[in-house]
């Protein structure tokens, strides 16, 4: 299962990096989103996702700490999702303002018409 998880993170990272190197703004936004998804999955993987376990340790029935889920990676991912949403919205506003000033949505300002 770990190999599939690692391959998924690698594909998301590679696709996001490839889209970031493009000159169109929509592709750059999607690239940032794919890289943030890859980072979120990486943090989940490093935190050791435990399915069906409570995130809080019961002090009356404490037996093994491996039976409990770690709530820190879950909190980090939730915070990351909120920050990513805000950054995407800010990026869209800046790109739309830039398009209004330059008349193109290429990052380098050159409009290639075929």
N, C-alpha and C. Protein backbone atom coordinates (compact mmCIF):
# COMPACT_ATOMS: atom_id res chain seq x y z
N UNK A 1 0.82 -1.20 0.00
CA UNK A 1 0.00 0.00 0.00
C UNK A 1 0.86 1.26 0.00
N UNK A 2 2.00 1.17 0.68
CA UNK A 2 2.88 2.34 0.74
C UNK A 2 3.43 2.70 -0.63
N UNK A 3 3.67 1.70 -1.46
CA UNK A 3 4.23 1.99 -2.79
C UNK A 3 3.20 2.71 -3.66
N UNK A 4 1.94 2.35 -3.55
CA UNK A 4 0.88 3.03 -4.31
C UNK A 4 0.74 4.47 -3.80
N UNK A 5 0.81 4.62 -2.49
CA UNK A 5 0.72 5.95 -1.88
C UNK A 5 1.88 6.83 -2.35
N UNK A 6 3.08 6.26 -2.38
CA UNK A 6 4.27 7.01 -2.83
C UNK A 6 4.18 7.37 -4.31
N UNK A 7 3.68 6.44 -5.12
CA UNK A 7 3.53 6.71 -6.55
C UNK A 7 2.51 7.83 -6.77
N UNK A 8 1.42 7.82 -6.01
CA UNK A 8 0.40 8.88 -6.14
C UNK A 8 0.99 10.24 -5.78
N UNK A 9 1.78 10.30 -4.72
CA UNK A 9 2.41 11.56 -4.33
C UNK A 9 3.40 12.01 -5.41
N UNK A 10 4.16 11.07 -5.98
CA UNK A 10 5.11 11.41 -7.04
C UNK A 10 4.43 11.91 -8.30
N UNK A 11 3.32 11.27 -8.68
CA UNK A 11 2.59 11.71 -9.88
C UNK A 11 2.00 13.10 -9.67
N UNK A 12 1.41 13.35 -8.48
CA UNK A 12 0.87 14.68 -8.20
C UNK A 12 1.96 15.74 -8.21
N UNK A 13 3.11 15.43 -7.61
CA UNK A 13 4.21 16.39 -7.57
C UNK A 13 4.76 16.67 -8.97
N UNK A 14 4.96 15.62 -9.76
CA UNK A 14 5.49 15.80 -11.11
C UNK A 14 4.51 16.56 -11.99
N UNK A 15 3.24 16.23 -11.91
CA UNK A 15 2.23 16.94 -12.71
C UNK A 15 2.13 18.40 -12.30
N UNK A 16 2.16 18.66 -11.00
CA UNK A 16 2.10 20.04 -10.52
C UNK A 16 3.31 20.86 -10.94
N UNK A 17 4.49 20.25 -10.88
CA UNK A 17 5.70 20.94 -11.31
C UNK A 17 5.67 21.23 -12.80
N UNK A 18 5.22 20.27 -13.59
CA UNK A 18 5.12 20.48 -15.04
C UNK A 18 4.14 21.60 -15.36
N UNK A 19 3.01 21.65 -14.65
CA UNK A 19 2.03 22.71 -14.91
C UNK A 19 2.53 24.07 -14.44
N UNK A 20 3.35 24.10 -13.38
CA UNK A 20 3.91 25.37 -12.93
C UNK A 20 4.86 25.97 -13.95
N UNK A 21 5.49 25.14 -14.75
CA UNK A 21 6.44 25.63 -15.75
C UNK A 21 5.77 26.13 -17.03
N UNK A 22 4.46 26.01 -17.13
CA UNK A 22 3.72 26.49 -18.28
C UNK A 22 3.54 28.00 -18.16
N UNK A 23 3.17 28.66 -19.25
CA UNK A 23 3.06 30.12 -19.20
C UNK A 23 1.61 30.59 -19.09
N UNK A 24 0.65 29.69 -19.12
CA UNK A 24 -0.75 30.09 -18.99
C UNK A 24 -1.15 30.11 -17.52
N UNK A 25 -1.95 31.09 -17.13
CA UNK A 25 -2.26 31.28 -15.72
C UNK A 25 -3.13 30.17 -15.15
N UNK A 26 -4.08 29.66 -15.90
CA UNK A 26 -4.94 28.60 -15.38
C UNK A 26 -4.12 27.34 -15.08
N UNK A 27 -3.15 27.04 -15.93
CA UNK A 27 -2.30 25.88 -15.71
C UNK A 27 -1.42 26.06 -14.48
N UNK A 28 -1.00 27.27 -14.21
CA UNK A 28 -0.19 27.55 -13.02
C UNK A 28 -1.04 27.37 -11.76
N UNK A 29 -2.28 27.81 -11.78
CA UNK A 29 -3.17 27.65 -10.63
C UNK A 29 -3.42 26.17 -10.35
N UNK A 30 -3.68 25.39 -11.39
CA UNK A 30 -3.89 23.96 -11.21
C UNK A 30 -2.61 23.29 -10.72
N UNK A 31 -1.45 23.74 -11.19
CA UNK A 31 -0.17 23.20 -10.72
C UNK A 31 0.04 23.44 -9.24
N UNK A 32 -0.26 24.66 -8.77
CA UNK A 32 -0.16 24.94 -7.34
C UNK A 32 -1.10 24.04 -6.54
N UNK A 33 -2.30 23.82 -7.04
CA UNK A 33 -3.25 22.96 -6.33
C UNK A 33 -2.76 21.53 -6.26
N UNK A 34 -2.21 21.01 -7.37
CA UNK A 34 -1.72 19.63 -7.36
C UNK A 34 -0.54 19.45 -6.41
N UNK A 35 0.34 20.44 -6.36
CA UNK A 35 1.47 20.34 -5.43
C UNK A 35 0.99 20.42 -3.99
N UNK A 36 -0.01 21.24 -3.71
CA UNK A 36 -0.53 21.30 -2.34
C UNK A 36 -1.22 19.99 -1.95
N UNK A 37 -1.90 19.34 -2.91
CA UNK A 37 -2.50 18.03 -2.62
C UNK A 37 -1.41 17.00 -2.33
N UNK A 38 -0.33 17.05 -3.08
CA UNK A 38 0.78 16.11 -2.85
C UNK A 38 1.40 16.33 -1.47
N UNK A 39 1.55 17.58 -1.08
CA UNK A 39 2.11 17.88 0.24
C UNK A 39 1.17 17.41 1.34
N UNK A 40 -0.13 17.60 1.15
CA UNK A 40 -1.10 17.13 2.13
C UNK A 40 -1.04 15.61 2.28
N UNK A 41 -0.96 14.89 1.18
CA UNK A 41 -0.85 13.44 1.25
C UNK A 41 0.46 13.01 1.92
N UNK A 42 1.53 13.74 1.65
CA UNK A 42 2.81 13.43 2.27
C UNK A 42 2.73 13.59 3.79
N UNK A 43 2.11 14.67 4.25
CA UNK A 43 1.96 14.88 5.69
C UNK A 43 1.10 13.80 6.30
N UNK A 44 0.03 13.41 5.62
CA UNK A 44 -0.79 12.30 6.11
C UNK A 44 0.03 11.02 6.22
N UNK A 45 0.83 10.76 5.21
CA UNK A 45 1.65 9.55 5.23
C UNK A 45 2.68 9.56 6.34
N UNK A 46 3.29 10.71 6.60
CA UNK A 46 4.27 10.80 7.67
C UNK A 46 3.63 10.72 9.05
N UNK A 47 2.37 11.12 9.15
CA UNK A 47 1.68 11.07 10.44
C UNK A 47 1.16 9.70 10.78
N UNK A 48 1.14 8.80 9.83
CA UNK A 48 0.65 7.45 10.11
C UNK A 48 -0.86 7.45 10.31
N UNK A 49 -1.58 7.51 9.24
CA UNK A 49 -3.04 7.55 9.30
C UNK A 49 -3.57 6.24 9.87
N UNK A 50 -4.32 6.34 10.95
CA UNK A 50 -4.92 5.18 11.60
C UNK A 50 -6.42 5.25 11.38
N UNK A 51 -6.98 4.22 10.79
CA UNK A 51 -8.40 4.20 10.45
C UNK A 51 -9.20 3.63 11.62
N UNK A 52 -10.27 4.33 11.99
CA UNK A 52 -11.19 3.84 13.01
C UNK A 52 -10.69 3.98 14.44
N UNK A 53 -9.66 4.77 14.69
CA UNK A 53 -9.15 4.95 16.04
C UNK A 53 -9.46 6.35 16.54
N UNK A 54 -9.73 6.48 17.83
CA UNK A 54 -10.02 7.81 18.37
C UNK A 54 -8.75 8.66 18.43
N UNK A 55 -8.86 9.96 18.19
CA UNK A 55 -7.68 10.82 18.22
C UNK A 55 -7.24 11.22 19.62
N UNK A 56 -8.04 10.90 20.64
CA UNK A 56 -7.72 11.32 22.00
C UNK A 56 -7.46 10.07 22.84
N UNK A 57 -6.41 10.09 23.63
CA UNK A 57 -6.06 8.94 24.47
C UNK A 57 -6.93 8.95 25.71
N UNK A 58 -7.56 7.84 26.00
CA UNK A 58 -8.38 7.68 27.18
C UNK A 58 -7.46 7.36 28.36
N UNK A 59 -7.46 8.19 29.38
CA UNK A 59 -6.55 8.00 30.51
C UNK A 59 -6.96 6.81 31.38
N UNK A 60 -8.21 6.39 31.31
CA UNK A 60 -8.65 5.24 32.12
C UNK A 60 -8.26 3.91 31.49
N UNK A 61 -8.19 3.85 30.16
CA UNK A 61 -7.92 2.60 29.46
C UNK A 61 -6.72 2.76 28.53
N UNK A 62 -5.62 3.25 29.07
CA UNK A 62 -4.42 3.46 28.26
C UNK A 62 -3.64 2.15 28.18
N UNK A 63 -3.54 1.61 26.96
CA UNK A 63 -2.81 0.37 26.81
C UNK A 63 -1.62 0.54 25.87
N UNK A 64 -1.85 1.04 24.67
CA UNK A 64 -0.79 1.17 23.67
C UNK A 64 -1.03 2.44 22.87
N UNK A 65 0.01 3.26 22.76
CA UNK A 65 -0.16 4.52 22.04
C UNK A 65 -0.28 4.32 20.53
N UNK A 66 0.09 3.15 20.01
CA UNK A 66 -0.03 2.89 18.57
C UNK A 66 -1.47 2.64 18.15
N UNK A 67 -2.37 2.45 19.10
CA UNK A 67 -3.77 2.21 18.77
C UNK A 67 -4.55 3.49 18.54
N UNK A 68 -3.91 4.63 18.79
CA UNK A 68 -4.60 5.91 18.68
C UNK A 68 -4.08 6.71 17.49
N UNK A 69 -4.96 7.47 16.89
CA UNK A 69 -4.58 8.33 15.77
C UNK A 69 -3.91 9.60 16.30
N UNK A 70 -2.96 10.10 15.53
CA UNK A 70 -2.28 11.34 15.90
C UNK A 70 -3.07 12.51 15.33
N UNK A 71 -3.59 13.41 16.17
CA UNK A 71 -4.41 14.50 15.65
C UNK A 71 -3.62 15.65 15.04
N UNK A 72 -2.31 15.71 15.24
CA UNK A 72 -1.52 16.83 14.73
C UNK A 72 -1.49 16.87 13.20
N UNK A 73 -1.22 15.76 12.50
CA UNK A 73 -1.25 15.84 11.03
C UNK A 73 -2.62 16.21 10.49
N UNK A 74 -3.66 15.76 11.14
CA UNK A 74 -5.02 16.11 10.69
C UNK A 74 -5.26 17.61 10.84
N UNK A 75 -4.79 18.18 11.94
CA UNK A 75 -4.94 19.63 12.13
C UNK A 75 -4.09 20.40 11.13
N UNK A 76 -2.88 19.91 10.83
CA UNK A 76 -2.03 20.58 9.85
C UNK A 76 -2.66 20.55 8.46
N UNK A 77 -3.27 19.43 8.09
CA UNK A 77 -3.89 19.32 6.77
C UNK A 77 -5.10 20.23 6.69
N UNK A 78 -5.90 20.30 7.74
CA UNK A 78 -7.06 21.19 7.74
C UNK A 78 -6.62 22.64 7.58
N UNK A 79 -5.57 23.03 8.29
CA UNK A 79 -5.04 24.38 8.16
C UNK A 79 -4.49 24.62 6.76
N UNK A 80 -3.82 23.63 6.21
CA UNK A 80 -3.27 23.75 4.86
C UNK A 80 -4.36 23.92 3.81
N UNK A 81 -5.47 23.22 3.97
CA UNK A 81 -6.57 23.35 3.01
C UNK A 81 -7.14 24.77 3.03
N UNK A 82 -7.30 25.33 4.21
CA UNK A 82 -7.84 26.69 4.33
C UNK A 82 -6.86 27.71 3.73
N UNK A 83 -5.58 27.55 4.03
CA UNK A 83 -4.58 28.47 3.48
C UNK A 83 -4.50 28.34 1.97
N UNK A 84 -4.57 27.12 1.45
CA UNK A 84 -4.53 26.90 0.01
C UNK A 84 -5.72 27.55 -0.68
N UNK A 85 -6.89 27.45 -0.08
CA UNK A 85 -8.07 28.10 -0.66
C UNK A 85 -7.89 29.61 -0.72
N UNK A 86 -7.38 30.20 0.36
CA UNK A 86 -7.17 31.65 0.39
C UNK A 86 -6.10 32.08 -0.61
N UNK A 87 -5.02 31.31 -0.73
CA UNK A 87 -3.97 31.66 -1.69
C UNK A 87 -4.46 31.52 -3.13
N UNK A 88 -5.29 30.53 -3.41
CA UNK A 88 -5.84 30.38 -4.75
C UNK A 88 -6.74 31.55 -5.10
N UNK A 89 -7.56 31.98 -4.15
CA UNK A 89 -8.44 33.12 -4.39
C UNK A 89 -7.62 34.40 -4.63
N UNK A 90 -6.57 34.61 -3.82
CA UNK A 90 -5.71 35.78 -4.00
C UNK A 90 -4.99 35.72 -5.35
N UNK A 91 -4.50 34.54 -5.70
CA UNK A 91 -3.80 34.37 -6.98
C UNK A 91 -4.73 34.66 -8.16
N UNK A 92 -5.98 34.21 -8.07
CA UNK A 92 -6.94 34.49 -9.13
C UNK A 92 -7.21 35.99 -9.28
N UNK A 93 -7.34 36.69 -8.16
CA UNK A 93 -7.59 38.13 -8.22
C UNK A 93 -6.40 38.86 -8.84
N UNK A 94 -5.19 38.47 -8.46
CA UNK A 94 -4.00 39.12 -9.02
C UNK A 94 -3.88 38.83 -10.52
N UNK A 95 -4.17 37.60 -10.92
CA UNK A 95 -4.08 37.23 -12.33
C UNK A 95 -5.14 37.95 -13.15
N UNK A 96 -6.36 38.08 -12.61
CA UNK A 96 -7.40 38.80 -13.34
C UNK A 96 -7.06 40.28 -13.47
N UNK A 97 -6.45 40.86 -12.43
CA UNK A 97 -6.03 42.26 -12.53
C UNK A 97 -4.91 42.41 -13.55
N UNK A 98 -3.98 41.47 -13.56
CA UNK A 98 -2.89 41.51 -14.54
C UNK A 98 -3.42 41.35 -15.95
N UNK A 99 -4.42 40.49 -16.12
CA UNK A 99 -5.00 40.32 -17.45
C UNK A 99 -5.72 41.60 -17.90
N UNK A 100 -6.35 42.30 -16.96
CA UNK A 100 -7.00 43.56 -17.31
C UNK A 100 -6.01 44.62 -17.74
N UNK A 101 -4.82 44.62 -17.14
CA UNK A 101 -3.80 45.61 -17.50
C UNK A 101 -3.08 45.27 -18.79
N UNK A 102 -2.78 43.98 -19.00
CA UNK A 102 -1.97 43.59 -20.16
C UNK A 102 -2.78 43.08 -21.34
N UNK A 103 -3.99 42.58 -21.09
CA UNK A 103 -4.82 42.06 -22.16
C UNK A 103 -4.52 40.63 -22.55
N UNK A 104 -3.67 39.93 -21.78
CA UNK A 104 -3.35 38.54 -22.06
C UNK A 104 -3.25 37.77 -20.75
N UNK A 105 -3.38 36.46 -20.83
CA UNK A 105 -3.25 35.69 -19.60
C UNK A 105 -1.95 34.89 -19.57
N UNK A 106 -1.01 35.24 -20.43
CA UNK A 106 0.32 34.65 -20.36
C UNK A 106 1.10 35.34 -19.26
N UNK A 107 1.89 34.60 -18.54
CA UNK A 107 2.65 35.17 -17.46
C UNK A 107 3.75 36.08 -17.97
N UNK A 108 4.35 35.73 -19.10
CA UNK A 108 5.44 36.54 -19.63
C UNK A 108 4.95 37.75 -20.42
N UNK A 109 3.64 37.90 -20.61
CA UNK A 109 3.08 39.05 -21.28
C UNK A 109 3.00 38.92 -22.79
N UNK A 110 3.53 37.84 -23.35
CA UNK A 110 3.49 37.64 -24.79
C UNK A 110 2.25 36.82 -25.15
N UNK A 111 1.50 37.29 -26.07
CA UNK A 111 0.30 36.59 -26.51
C UNK A 111 0.59 35.92 -27.85
N UNK A 112 0.53 34.64 -27.86
CA UNK A 112 0.81 33.91 -29.10
C UNK A 112 -0.52 33.55 -29.76
N UNK A 113 -0.83 34.21 -30.87
CA UNK A 113 -2.05 33.94 -31.59
C UNK A 113 -1.72 33.09 -32.80
N UNK A 114 -2.48 32.03 -32.97
CA UNK A 114 -2.24 31.12 -34.09
C UNK A 114 -3.18 31.41 -35.22
